[in-house]
Amino acid sequence: MKGFVEEVQEKMIILGVLVDSQMTFDLNVTEIIKKCRRRLGYMKRISGSTWGPDMYAVRQNYLTLIRPVITYACGAWFIKQRKCVSTRLNFGLSTKVIDRNHSTIGFKRVHPPPN
């Protein structure tokens, strides 16, 4: 008996993080973006500029339903780049995309992004 033998997998889920064989985490980022867009769509559907829950409730929904999806296990797959390399967030969401998502639910950026 040789023991447990399994074929090499191109991708697998480990504790909720989709890991590919090259450890690029691109598939994981794609899944995170899909989940966040779907949840933002739900939020957009239940609220408008003149109707729906107040801003406090919308903010609470964002903080409890969307932010955890973005930040879950980011310590495992997020690698911060040096400032001189790029100001774009390494996990596939640029500042422009984040601002667009915030404007969808009524948030405005108070401070400019750091350089």
PDB file of N, CA and C in Angstrom:
ATOM      1  N   MET A   1       0.838  -1.170   0.000  1.00  0.00           N
ATOM      2  CA  MET A   1       0.000   0.000   0.000  1.00  0.00           C
ATOM      3  C   MET A   1       0.891   1.244   0.000  1.00  0.00           C
ATOM      4  N   LYS A   2       0.624   2.173  -0.919  1.00  0.00           N
ATOM      5  CA  LYS A   2       1.443   3.367  -1.080  1.00  0.00           C
ATOM      6  C   LYS A   2       1.001   4.520  -0.170  1.00  0.00           C
ATOM      7  N   GLY A   3      -0.158   4.440   0.386  1.00  0.00           N
ATOM      8  CA  GLY A   3      -0.663   5.559   1.180  1.00  0.00           C
ATOM      9  C   GLY A   3      -1.602   6.413   0.351  1.00  0.00           C
ATOM     10  N   PHE A   4      -1.830   7.594   0.809  1.00  0.00           N
ATOM     11  CA  PHE A   4      -2.766   8.500   0.148  1.00  0.00           C
ATOM     12  C   PHE A   4      -2.080   9.186  -1.018  1.00  0.00           C
ATOM     13  N   VAL A   5      -2.627   9.009  -2.214  1.00  0.00           N
ATOM     14  CA  VAL A   5      -2.083   9.636  -3.411  1.00  0.00           C
ATOM     15  C   VAL A   5      -3.219  10.382  -4.098  1.00  0.00           C
ATOM     16  N   GLU A   6      -2.999  11.644  -4.379  1.00  0.00           N
ATOM     17  CA  GLU A   6      -4.010  12.458  -5.036  1.00  0.00           C
ATOM     18  C   GLU A   6      -3.346  13.233  -6.167  1.00  0.00           C
ATOM     19  N   GLU A   7      -4.108  13.466  -7.233  1.00  0.00           N
ATOM     20  CA  GLU A   7      -3.581  14.231  -8.359  1.00  0.00           C
ATOM     21  C   GLU A   7      -3.377  15.690  -7.956  1.00  0.00           C
ATOM     22  N   VAL A   8      -2.456  16.350  -8.643  1.00  0.00           N
ATOM     23  CA  VAL A   8      -2.209  17.767  -8.410  1.00  0.00           C
ATOM     24  C   VAL A   8      -3.422  18.554  -8.882  1.00  0.00           C
ATOM     25  N   GLN A   9      -3.883  19.466  -8.055  1.00  0.00           N
ATOM     26  CA  GLN A   9      -5.040  20.286  -8.394  1.00  0.00           C
ATOM     27  C   GLN A   9      -4.572  21.664  -8.834  1.00  0.00           C
ATOM     28  N   GLU A  10      -5.239  22.207  -9.841  1.00  0.00           N
ATOM     29  CA  GLU A  10      -4.908  23.549 -10.317  1.00  0.00           C
ATOM     30  C   GLU A  10      -5.362  24.613  -9.329  1.00  0.00           C
ATOM     31  N   LYS A  11      -6.455  24.355  -8.624  1.00  0.00           N
ATOM     32  CA  LYS A  11      -6.949  25.308  -7.633  1.00  0.00           C
ATOM     33  C   LYS A  11      -7.661  24.542  -6.530  1.00  0.00           C
ATOM     34  N   MET A  12      -7.681  25.145  -5.351  1.00  0.00           N
ATOM     35  CA  MET A  12      -8.398  24.551  -4.231  1.00  0.00           C
ATOM     36  C   MET A  12      -8.764  25.648  -3.237  1.00  0.00           C
ATOM     37  N   ILE A  13      -9.760  25.371  -2.431  1.00  0.00           N
ATOM     38  CA  ILE A  13     -10.201  26.326  -1.428  1.00  0.00           C
ATOM     39  C   ILE A  13      -9.652  25.889  -0.075  1.00  0.00           C
ATOM     40  N   ILE A  14      -8.922  26.791   0.550  1.00  0.00           N
ATOM     41  CA  ILE A  14      -8.356  26.533   1.872  1.00  0.00           C
ATOM     42  C   ILE A  14      -8.895  27.605   2.818  1.00  0.00           C
ATOM     43  N   LEU A  15      -9.717  27.186   3.775  1.00  0.00           N
ATOM     44  CA  LEU A  15     -10.326  28.103   4.740  1.00  0.00           C
ATOM     45  C   LEU A  15     -10.997  29.295   4.058  1.00  0.00           C
ATOM     46  N   GLY A  16     -11.683  29.035   2.953  1.00  0.00           N
ATOM     47  CA  GLY A  16     -12.426  30.075   2.261  1.00  0.00           C
ATOM     48  C   GLY A  16     -11.627  30.897   1.276  1.00  0.00           C
ATOM     49  N   VAL A  17     -10.345  30.635   1.139  1.00  0.00           N
ATOM     50  CA  VAL A  17      -9.498  31.371   0.198  1.00  0.00           C
ATOM     51  C   VAL A  17      -9.206  30.467  -0.986  1.00  0.00           C
ATOM     52  N   LEU A  18      -9.525  30.949  -2.190  1.00  0.00           N
ATOM     53  CA  LEU A  18      -9.290  30.189  -3.413  1.00  0.00           C
ATOM     54  C   LEU A  18      -7.823  30.346  -3.804  1.00  0.00           C
ATOM     55  N   VAL A  19      -7.092  29.249  -3.774  1.00  0.00           N
ATOM     56  CA  VAL A  19      -5.649  29.261  -4.032  1.00  0.00           C
ATOM     57  C   VAL A  19      -5.384  28.515  -5.334  1.00  0.00           C
ATOM     58  N   ASP A  20      -4.627  29.169  -6.245  1.00  0.00           N
ATOM     59  CA  ASP A  20      -4.255  28.483  -7.481  1.00  0.00           C
ATOM     60  C   ASP A  20      -2.841  27.929  -7.344  1.00  0.00           C
ATOM     61  N   SER A  21      -2.447  27.143  -8.322  1.00  0.00           N
ATOM     62  CA  SER A  21      -1.155  26.451  -8.232  1.00  0.00           C
ATOM     63  C   SER A  21       0.036  27.406  -8.288  1.00  0.00           C
ATOM     64  N   GLN A  22      -0.154  28.606  -8.827  1.00  0.00           N
ATOM     65  CA  GLN A  22       0.933  29.584  -8.921  1.00  0.00           C
ATOM     66  C   GLN A  22       0.951  30.561  -7.745  1.00  0.00           C
ATOM     67  N   MET A  23      -0.003  30.426  -6.820  1.00  0.00           N
ATOM     68  CA  MET A  23      -0.119  31.303  -5.648  1.00  0.00           C
ATOM     69  C   MET A  23      -0.252  32.775  -6.028  1.00  0.00           C
ATOM     70  N   THR A  24      -0.979  33.053  -7.124  1.00  0.00           N
ATOM     71  CA  THR A  24      -1.186  34.442  -7.529  1.00  0.00           C
ATOM     72  C   THR A  24      -2.431  35.038  -6.886  1.00  0.00           C
ATOM     73  N   PHE A  25      -3.362  34.207  -6.447  1.00  0.00           N
ATOM     74  CA  PHE A  25      -4.605  34.616  -5.801  1.00  0.00           C
ATOM     75  C   PHE A  25      -5.517  35.416  -6.725  1.00  0.00           C
ATOM     76  N   ASP A  26      -5.256  35.392  -8.039  1.00  0.00           N
ATOM     77  CA  ASP A  26      -6.124  36.092  -8.985  1.00  0.00           C
ATOM     78  C   ASP A  26      -7.542  35.540  -8.950  1.00  0.00           C
ATOM     79  N   LEU A  27      -7.685  34.232  -8.855  1.00  0.00           N
ATOM     80  CA  LEU A  27      -9.018  33.629  -8.792  1.00  0.00           C
ATOM     81  C   LEU A  27      -9.747  34.065  -7.528  1.00  0.00           C
ATOM     82  N   ASN A  28      -9.031  34.169  -6.432  1.00  0.00           N
ATOM     83  CA  ASN A  28      -9.635  34.609  -5.179  1.00  0.00           C
ATOM     84  C   ASN A  28     -10.112  36.055  -5.287  1.00  0.00           C
ATOM     85  N   VAL A  29      -9.302  36.911  -5.883  1.00  0.00           N
ATOM     86  CA  VAL A  29      -9.674  38.315  -6.054  1.00  0.00           C
ATOM     87  C   VAL A  29     -10.908  38.422  -6.943  1.00  0.00           C
ATOM     88  N   THR A  30     -10.949  37.638  -8.014  1.00  0.00           N
ATOM     89  CA  THR A  30     -12.110  37.641  -8.905  1.00  0.00           C
ATOM     90  C   THR A  30     -13.368  37.238  -8.154  1.00  0.00           C
ATOM     91  N   GLU A  31     -13.283  36.234  -7.316  1.00  0.00           N
ATOM     92  CA  GLU A  31     -14.440  35.796  -6.528  1.00  0.00           C
ATOM     93  C   GLU A  31     -14.860  36.867  -5.524  1.00  0.00           C
ATOM     94  N   ILE A  32     -13.904  37.531  -4.917  1.00  0.00           N
ATOM     95  CA  ILE A  32     -14.218  38.602  -3.969  1.00  0.00           C
ATOM     96  C   ILE A  32     -14.946  39.734  -4.676  1.00  0.00           C
ATOM     97  N   ILE A  33     -14.464  40.110  -5.846  1.00  0.00           N
ATOM     98  CA  ILE A  33     -15.104  41.183  -6.611  1.00  0.00           C
ATOM     99  C   ILE A  33     -16.532  40.791  -6.980  1.00  0.00           C
ATOM    100  N   LYS A  34     -16.746  39.551  -7.407  1.00  0.00           N
ATOM    101  CA  LYS A  34     -18.097  39.083  -7.742  1.00  0.00           C
ATOM    102  C   LYS A  34     -19.024  39.168  -6.535  1.00  0.00           C
ATOM    103  N   LYS A  35     -18.545  38.688  -5.386  1.00  0.00           N
ATOM    104  CA  LYS A  35     -19.364  38.717  -4.168  1.00  0.00           C
ATOM    105  C   LYS A  35     -19.716  40.147  -3.775  1.00  0.00           C
ATOM    106  N   CYS A  36     -18.726  41.038  -3.833  1.00  0.00           N
ATOM    107  CA  CYS A  36     -18.969  42.425  -3.441  1.00  0.00           C
ATOM    108  C   CYS A  36     -19.932  43.115  -4.397  1.00  0.00           C
ATOM    109  N   ARG A  37     -19.767  42.887  -5.680  1.00  0.00           N
ATOM    110  CA  ARG A  37     -20.686  43.497  -6.652  1.00  0.00           C
ATOM    111  C   ARG A  37     -22.105  42.989  -6.465  1.00  0.00           C
ATOM    112  N   ARG A  38     -22.254  41.700  -6.198  1.00  0.00           N
ATOM    113  CA  ARG A  38     -23.579  41.132  -5.968  1.00  0.00           C
ATOM    114  C   ARG A  38     -24.212  41.762  -4.723  1.00  0.00           C
ATOM    115  N   ARG A  39     -23.453  41.879  -3.659  1.00  0.00           N
ATOM    116  CA  ARG A  39     -23.985  42.455  -2.421  1.00  0.00           C
ATOM    117  C   ARG A  39     -24.262  43.950  -2.572  1.00  0.00           C
ATOM    118  N   LEU A  40     -23.417  44.663  -3.312  1.00  0.00           N
ATOM    119  CA  LEU A  40     -23.691  46.075  -3.576  1.00  0.00           C
ATOM    120  C   LEU A  40     -24.958  46.235  -4.399  1.00  0.00           C
ATOM    121  N   GLY A  41     -25.185  45.303  -5.326  1.00  0.00           N
ATOM    122  CA  GLY A  41     -26.421  45.324  -6.107  1.00  0.00           C
ATOM    123  C   GLY A  41     -27.644  45.159  -5.224  1.00  0.00           C
ATOM    124  N   TYR A  42     -27.554  44.281  -4.235  1.00  0.00           N
ATOM    125  CA  TYR A  42     -28.661  44.114  -3.285  1.00  0.00           C
ATOM    126  C   TYR A  42     -28.901  45.406  -2.512  1.00  0.00           C
ATOM    127  N   MET A  43     -27.818  46.033  -2.075  1.00  0.00           N
ATOM    128  CA  MET A  43     -27.959  47.277  -1.321  1.00  0.00           C
ATOM    129  C   MET A  43     -28.546  48.382  -2.187  1.00  0.00           C
ATOM    130  N   LYS A  44     -28.119  48.435  -3.426  1.00  0.00           N
ATOM    131  CA  LYS A  44     -28.625  49.460  -4.339  1.00  0.00           C
ATOM    132  C   LYS A  44     -30.113  49.263  -4.596  1.00  0.00           C
ATOM    133  N   ARG A  45     -30.523  48.015  -4.595  1.00  0.00           N
ATOM    134  CA  ARG A  45     -31.916  47.693  -4.870  1.00  0.00           C
ATOM    135  C   ARG A  45     -32.857  48.101  -3.737  1.00  0.00           C
ATOM    136  N   ILE A  46     -32.369  48.070  -2.502  1.00  0.00           N
ATOM    137  CA  ILE A  46     -33.237  48.396  -1.375  1.00  0.00           C
ATOM    138  C   ILE A  46     -33.140  49.852  -0.939  1.00  0.00           C
ATOM    139  N   SER A  47     -32.303  50.646  -1.606  1.00  0.00           N
ATOM    140  CA  SER A  47     -32.160  52.038  -1.182  1.00  0.00           C
ATOM    141  C   SER A  47     -31.999  52.953  -2.381  1.00  0.00           C
ATOM    142  N   GLY A  48     -32.438  54.175  -2.195  1.00  0.00           N
ATOM    143  CA  GLY A  48     -32.288  55.203  -3.207  1.00  0.00           C
ATOM    144  C   GLY A  48     -31.919  56.507  -2.530  1.00  0.00           C
ATOM    145  N   SER A  49     -31.763  57.560  -3.314  1.00  0.00           N
ATOM    146  CA  SER A  49     -31.365  58.839  -2.719  1.00  0.00           C
ATOM    147  C   SER A  49     -32.489  59.464  -1.907  1.00  0.00           C
ATOM    148  N   THR A  50     -33.742  59.134  -2.230  1.00  0.00           N
ATOM    149  CA  THR A  50     -34.878  59.730  -1.512  1.00  0.00           C
ATOM    150  C   THR A  50     -35.733  58.707  -0.785  1.00  0.00           C
ATOM    151  N   TRP A  51     -35.416  57.445  -0.874  1.00  0.00           N
ATOM    152  CA  TRP A  51     -36.227  56.416  -0.220  1.00  0.00           C
ATOM    153  C   TRP A  51     -35.329  55.295   0.289  1.00  0.00           C
ATOM    154  N   GLY A  52     -35.874  54.463   1.129  1.00  0.00           N
ATOM    155  CA  GLY A  52     -35.122  53.339   1.669  1.00  0.00           C
ATOM    156  C   GLY A  52     -34.555  53.651   3.043  1.00  0.00           C
ATOM    157  N   PRO A  53     -33.662  52.803   3.527  1.00  0.00           N
ATOM    158  CA  PRO A  53     -33.093  53.006   4.859  1.00  0.00           C
ATOM    159  C   PRO A  53     -32.239  54.270   4.931  1.00  0.00           C
ATOM    160  N   ASP A  54     -32.089  54.801   6.140  1.00  0.00           N
ATOM    161  CA  ASP A  54     -31.262  55.995   6.312  1.00  0.00           C
ATOM    162  C   ASP A  54     -29.781  55.642   6.139  1.00  0.00           C
ATOM    163  N   MET A  55     -28.941  56.679   6.104  1.00  0.00           N
ATOM    164  CA  MET A  55     -27.518  56.470   5.838  1.00  0.00           C
ATOM    165  C   MET A  55     -26.848  55.615   6.910  1.00  0.00           C
ATOM    166  N   TYR A  56     -27.306  55.726   8.156  1.00  0.00           N
ATOM    167  CA  TYR A  56     -26.720  54.917   9.216  1.00  0.00           C
ATOM    168  C   TYR A  56     -26.950  53.431   8.932  1.00  0.00           C
ATOM    169  N   ALA A  57     -28.173  53.076   8.534  1.00  0.00           N
ATOM    170  CA  ALA A  57     -28.488  51.671   8.244  1.00  0.00           C
ATOM    171  C   ALA A  57     -27.716  51.178   7.020  1.00  0.00           C
ATOM    172  N   VAL A  58     -27.595  52.022   6.007  1.00  0.00           N
ATOM    173  CA  VAL A  58     -26.849  51.639   4.802  1.00  0.00           C
ATOM    174  C   VAL A  58     -25.375  51.436   5.149  1.00  0.00           C
ATOM    175  N   ARG A  59     -24.838  52.323   5.971  1.00  0.00           N
ATOM    176  CA  ARG A  59     -23.439  52.186   6.395  1.00  0.00           C
ATOM    177  C   ARG A  59     -23.239  50.899   7.189  1.00  0.00           C
ATOM    178  N   GLN A  60     -24.165  50.604   8.093  1.00  0.00           N
ATOM    179  CA  GLN A  60     -24.075  49.373   8.872  1.00  0.00           C
ATOM    180  C   GLN A  60     -24.121  48.148   7.960  1.00  0.00           C
ATOM    181  N   ASN A  61     -24.996  48.180   6.963  1.00  0.00           N
ATOM    182  CA  ASN A  61     -25.062  47.072   6.004  1.00  0.00           C
ATOM    183  C   ASN A  61     -23.739  46.918   5.267  1.00  0.00           C
ATOM    184  N   TYR A  62     -23.155  48.038   4.852  1.00  0.00           N
ATOM    185  CA  TYR A  62     -21.872  47.985   4.154  1.00  0.00           C
ATOM    186  C   TYR A  62     -20.793  47.391   5.059  1.00  0.00           C
ATOM    187  N   LEU A  63     -20.744  47.878   6.299  1.00  0.00           N
ATOM    188  CA  LEU A  63     -19.709  47.424   7.228  1.00  0.00           C
ATOM    189  C   LEU A  63     -19.880  45.968   7.632  1.00  0.00           C
ATOM    190  N   THR A  64     -21.106  45.467   7.629  1.00  0.00           N
ATOM    191  CA  THR A  64     -21.328  44.088   8.065  1.00  0.00           C
ATOM    192  C   THR A  64     -21.437  43.090   6.923  1.00  0.00           C
ATOM    193  N   LEU A  65     -21.792  43.543   5.718  1.00  0.00           N
ATOM    194  CA  LEU A  65     -22.008  42.607   4.616  1.00  0.00           C
ATOM    195  C   LEU A  65     -20.942  42.654   3.527  1.00  0.00           C
ATOM    196  N   ILE A  66     -20.300  43.790   3.338  1.00  0.00           N
ATOM    197  CA  ILE A  66     -19.362  43.927   2.217  1.00  0.00           C
ATOM    198  C   ILE A  66     -17.913  44.000   2.687  1.00  0.00           C
ATOM    199  N   ARG A  67     -17.639  44.839   3.660  1.00  0.00           N
ATOM    200  CA  ARG A  67     -16.255  44.972   4.123  1.00  0.00           C
ATOM    201  C   ARG A  67     -15.651  43.648   4.594  1.00  0.00           C
ATOM    202  N   PRO A  68     -16.383  42.805   5.326  1.00  0.00           N
ATOM    203  CA  PRO A  68     -15.785  41.525   5.736  1.00  0.00           C
ATOM    204  C   PRO A  68     -15.396  40.624   4.567  1.00  0.00           C
ATOM    205  N   VAL A  69     -16.138  40.716   3.468  1.00  0.00           N
ATOM    206  CA  VAL A  69     -15.793  39.913   2.287  1.00  0.00           C
ATOM    207  C   VAL A  69     -14.448  40.370   1.735  1.00  0.00           C
ATOM    208  N   ILE A  70     -14.225  41.680   1.717  1.00  0.00           N
ATOM    209  CA  ILE A  70     -12.970  42.219   1.195  1.00  0.00           C
ATOM    210  C   ILE A  70     -11.803  41.883   2.117  1.00  0.00           C
ATOM    211  N   THR A  71     -12.022  41.992   3.409  1.00  0.00           N
ATOM    212  CA  THR A  71     -10.911  41.853   4.350  1.00  0.00           C
ATOM    213  C   THR A  71     -10.675  40.433   4.847  1.00  0.00           C
ATOM    214  N   TYR A  72     -11.581  39.499   4.561  1.00  0.00           N
ATOM    215  CA  TYR A  72     -11.408  38.143   5.076  1.00  0.00           C
ATOM    216  C   TYR A  72     -10.115  37.523   4.540  1.00  0.00           C
ATOM    217  N   ALA A  73      -9.257  37.105   5.401  1.00  0.00           N
ATOM    218  CA  ALA A  73      -7.999  36.419   5.091  1.00  0.00           C
ATOM    219  C   ALA A  73      -7.066  37.242   4.211  1.00  0.00           C
ATOM    220  N   CYS A  74      -7.247  38.564   4.190  1.00  0.00           N
ATOM    221  CA  CYS A  74      -6.362  39.371   3.341  1.00  0.00           C
ATOM    222  C   CYS A  74      -4.918  39.316   3.823  1.00  0.00           C
ATOM    223  N   GLY A  75      -4.709  38.967   5.073  1.00  0.00           N
ATOM    224  CA  GLY A  75      -3.344  38.788   5.554  1.00  0.00           C
ATOM    225  C   GLY A  75      -2.630  37.661   4.840  1.00  0.00           C
ATOM    226  N   ALA A  76      -3.395  36.726   4.304  1.00  0.00           N
ATOM    227  CA  ALA A  76      -2.799  35.596   3.592  1.00  0.00           C
ATOM    228  C   ALA A  76      -2.471  35.941   2.146  1.00  0.00           C
ATOM    229  N   TRP A  77      -3.317  36.747   1.494  1.00  0.00           N
ATOM    230  CA  TRP A  77      -3.122  36.951   0.058  1.00  0.00           C
ATOM    231  C   TRP A  77      -2.784  38.375  -0.339  1.00  0.00           C
ATOM    232  N   PHE A  78      -2.911  39.352   0.551  1.00  0.00           N
ATOM    233  CA  PHE A  78      -2.608  40.737   0.209  1.00  0.00           C
ATOM    234  C   PHE A  78      -1.151  41.034   0.520  1.00  0.00           C
ATOM    235  N   ILE A  79      -0.427  41.544  -0.458  1.00  0.00           N
ATOM    236  CA  ILE A  79       0.965  41.943  -0.269  1.00  0.00           C
ATOM    237  C   ILE A  79       1.069  43.412  -0.648  1.00  0.00           C
ATOM    238  N   LYS A  80       1.328  44.256   0.332  1.00  0.00           N
ATOM    239  CA  LYS A  80       1.413  45.686   0.078  1.00  0.00           C
ATOM    240  C   LYS A  80       2.678  46.002  -0.705  1.00  0.00           C
ATOM    241  N   GLN A  81       2.503  46.828  -1.735  1.00  0.00           N
ATOM    242  CA  GLN A  81       3.647  47.236  -2.534  1.00  0.00           C
ATOM    243  C   GLN A  81       4.265  48.489  -1.929  1.00  0.00           C
ATOM    244  N   ARG A  82       5.514  48.729  -2.287  1.00  0.00           N
ATOM    245  CA  ARG A  82       6.159  49.965  -1.847  1.00  0.00           C
ATOM    246  C   ARG A  82       5.463  51.144  -2.497  1.00  0.00           C
ATOM    247  N   LYS A  83       5.545  52.300  -1.864  1.00  0.00           N
ATOM    248  CA  LYS A  83       4.878  53.491  -2.383  1.00  0.00           C
ATOM    249  C   LYS A  83       5.380  53.869  -3.769  1.00  0.00           C
ATOM    250  N   CYS A  84       6.657  53.685  -4.024  1.00  0.00           N
ATOM    251  CA  CYS A  84       7.213  54.103  -5.305  1.00  0.00           C
ATOM    252  C   CYS A  84       6.803  53.172  -6.446  1.00  0.00           C
ATOM    253  N   VAL A  85       6.288  51.987  -6.132  1.00  0.00           N
ATOM    254  CA  VAL A  85       5.938  51.036  -7.184  1.00  0.00           C
ATOM    255  C   VAL A  85       4.577  51.352  -7.772  1.00  0.00           C
ATOM    256  N   SER A  86       3.570  51.474  -6.911  1.00  0.00           N
ATOM    257  CA  SER A  86       2.217  51.683  -7.408  1.00  0.00           C
ATOM    258  C   SER A  86       1.334  52.156  -6.275  1.00  0.00           C
ATOM    259  N   THR A  87       0.356  53.008  -6.592  1.00  0.00           N
ATOM    260  CA  THR A  87      -0.619  53.403  -5.581  1.00  0.00           C
ATOM    261  C   THR A  87      -1.888  52.580  -5.712  1.00  0.00           C
ATOM    262  N   ARG A  88      -1.949  51.712  -6.709  1.00  0.00           N
ATOM    263  CA  ARG A  88      -3.122  50.866  -6.898  1.00  0.00           C
ATOM    264  C   ARG A  88      -3.124  49.763  -5.845  1.00  0.00           C
ATOM    265  N   LEU A  89      -4.278  49.479  -5.305  1.00  0.00           N
ATOM    266  CA  LEU A  89      -4.372  48.414  -4.320  1.00  0.00           C
ATOM    267  C   LEU A  89      -4.066  47.092  -4.988  1.00  0.00           C
ATOM    268  N   ASN A  90      -3.318  46.260  -4.319  1.00  0.00           N
ATOM    269  CA  ASN A  90      -2.804  45.034  -4.906  1.00  0.00           C
ATOM    270  C   ASN A  90      -3.862  43.960  -5.089  1.00  0.00           C
ATOM    271  N   PHE A  91      -5.019  44.092  -4.449  1.00  0.00           N
ATOM    272  CA  PHE A  91      -5.996  43.024  -4.553  1.00  0.00           C
ATOM    273  C   PHE A  91      -7.036  43.274  -5.626  1.00  0.00           C
ATOM    274  N   GLY A  92      -6.749  44.116  -6.597  1.00  0.00           N
ATOM    275  CA  GLY A  92      -7.597  44.242  -7.767  1.00  0.00           C
ATOM    276  C   GLY A  92      -8.651  45.327  -7.682  1.00  0.00           C
ATOM    277  N   LEU A  93      -8.776  46.005  -6.576  1.00  0.00           N
ATOM    278  CA  LEU A  93      -9.742  47.080  -6.454  1.00  0.00           C
ATOM    279  C   LEU A  93      -8.976  48.394  -6.413  1.00  0.00           C
ATOM    280  N   SER A  94      -9.090  49.168  -7.457  1.00  0.00           N
ATOM    281  CA  SER A  94      -8.398  50.444  -7.475  1.00  0.00           C
ATOM    282  C   SER A  94      -9.194  51.451  -6.652  1.00  0.00           C
ATOM    283  N   THR A  95      -8.578  52.570  -6.351  1.00  0.00           N
ATOM    284  CA  THR A  95      -9.256  53.623  -5.603  1.00  0.00           C
ATOM    285  C   THR A  95     -10.488  54.091  -6.363  1.00  0.00           C
ATOM    286  N   LYS A  96     -10.401  54.129  -7.681  1.00  0.00           N
ATOM    287  CA  LYS A  96     -11.528  54.554  -8.502  1.00  0.00           C
ATOM    288  C   LYS A  96     -12.718  53.607  -8.326  1.00  0.00           C
ATOM    289  N   VAL A  97     -12.468  52.307  -8.313  1.00  0.00           N
ATOM    290  CA  VAL A  97     -13.539  51.323  -8.135  1.00  0.00           C
ATOM    291  C   VAL A  97     -14.147  51.454  -6.747  1.00  0.00           C
ATOM    292  N   ILE A  98     -13.310  51.626  -5.735  1.00  0.00           N
ATOM    293  CA  ILE A  98     -13.820  51.780  -4.371  1.00  0.00           C
ATOM    294  C   ILE A  98     -14.671  53.038  -4.266  1.00  0.00           C
ATOM    295  N   ASP A  99     -14.218  54.157  -4.846  1.00  0.00           N
ATOM    296  CA  ASP A  99     -15.000  55.389  -4.822  1.00  0.00           C
ATOM    297  C   ASP A  99     -16.331  55.205  -5.542  1.00  0.00           C
ATOM    298  N   ARG A 100     -16.311  54.496  -6.671  1.00  0.00           N
ATOM    299  CA  ARG A 100     -17.550  54.256  -7.407  1.00  0.00           C
ATOM    300  C   ARG A 100     -18.515  53.434  -6.560  1.00  0.00           C
ATOM    301  N   ASN A 101     -18.001  52.418  -5.866  1.00  0.00           N
ATOM    302  CA  ASN A 101     -18.857  51.614  -4.997  1.00  0.00           C
ATOM    303  C   ASN A 101     -19.406  52.442  -3.846  1.00  0.00           C
ATOM    304  N   HIS A 102     -18.578  53.295  -3.275  1.00  0.00           N
ATOM    305  CA  HIS A 102     -19.052  54.145  -2.189  1.00  0.00           C
ATOM    306  C   HIS A 102     -20.093  55.134  -2.694  1.00  0.00           C
ATOM    307  N   SER A 103     -19.889  55.701  -3.892  1.00  0.00           N
ATOM    308  CA  SER A 103     -20.864  56.656  -4.412  1.00  0.00           C
ATOM    309  C   SER A 103     -22.179  55.966  -4.747  1.00  0.00           C
ATOM    310  N   THR A 104     -22.128  54.674  -5.075  1.00  0.00           N
ATOM    311  CA  THR A 104     -23.349  53.917  -5.346  1.00  0.00           C
ATOM    312  C   THR A 104     -24.238  53.879  -4.117  1.00  0.00           C
ATOM    313  N   ILE A 105     -23.619  53.788  -2.943  1.00  0.00           N
ATOM    314  CA  ILE A 105     -24.420  53.722  -1.726  1.00  0.00           C
ATOM    315  C   ILE A 105     -24.406  55.040  -0.962  1.00  0.00           C
ATOM    316  N   GLY A 106     -23.869  56.099  -1.570  1.00  0.00           N
ATOM    317  CA  GLY A 106     -23.992  57.429  -1.004  1.00  0.00           C
ATOM    318  C   GLY A 106     -22.824  57.942  -0.184  1.00  0.00           C
ATOM    319  N   PHE A 107     -21.703  57.255  -0.160  1.00  0.00           N
ATOM    320  CA  PHE A 107     -20.546  57.730   0.597  1.00  0.00           C
ATOM    321  C   PHE A 107     -19.672  58.599  -0.294  1.00  0.00           C
ATOM    322  N   LYS A 108     -19.017  59.562   0.305  1.00  0.00           N
ATOM    323  CA  LYS A 108     -18.059  60.403  -0.406  1.00  0.00           C
ATOM    324  C   LYS A 108     -16.715  60.288   0.295  1.00  0.00           C
ATOM    325  N   ARG A 109     -15.643  60.355  -0.465  1.00  0.00           N
ATOM    326  CA  ARG A 109     -14.301  60.320   0.121  1.00  0.00           C
ATOM    327  C   ARG A 109     -14.054  61.662   0.800  1.00  0.00           C
ATOM    328  N   VAL A 110     -13.642  61.613   2.049  1.00  0.00           N
ATOM    329  CA  VAL A 110     -13.375  62.823   2.808  1.00  0.00           C
ATOM    330  C   VAL A 110     -11.963  63.312   2.550  1.00  0.00           C
ATOM    331  N   HIS A 111     -11.015  62.408   2.509  1.00  0.00           N
ATOM    332  CA  HIS A 111      -9.616  62.759   2.309  1.00  0.00           C
ATOM    333  C   HIS A 111      -9.135  62.177   0.988  1.00  0.00           C
ATOM    334  N   PRO A 112      -8.213  62.860   0.314  1.00  0.00           N
ATOM    335  CA  PRO A 112      -7.653  62.284  -0.914  1.00  0.00           C
ATOM    336  C   PRO A 112      -6.851  61.031  -0.587  1.00  0.00           C
ATOM    337  N   PRO A 113      -6.707  60.122  -1.562  1.00  0.00           N
ATOM    338  CA  PRO A 113      -5.935  58.903  -1.305  1.00  0.00           C
ATOM    339  C   PRO A 113      -4.479  59.234  -1.022  1.00  0.00           C
ATOM    340  N   PRO A 114      -3.820  58.447  -0.166  1.00  0.00           N
ATOM    341  CA  PRO A 114      -2.401  58.707   0.115  1.00  0.00           C
ATOM    342  C   PRO A 114      -1.545  58.412  -1.103  1.00  0.00           C
ATOM    343  N   ASN A 115      -0.459  59.163  -1.242  1.00  0.00           N
ATOM    344  CA  ASN A 115       0.445  58.942  -2.384  1.00  0.00           C
ATOM    345  C   ASN A 115       1.466  57.908  -2.079  1.00  0.00           C
TER     346      ASN A 115
END
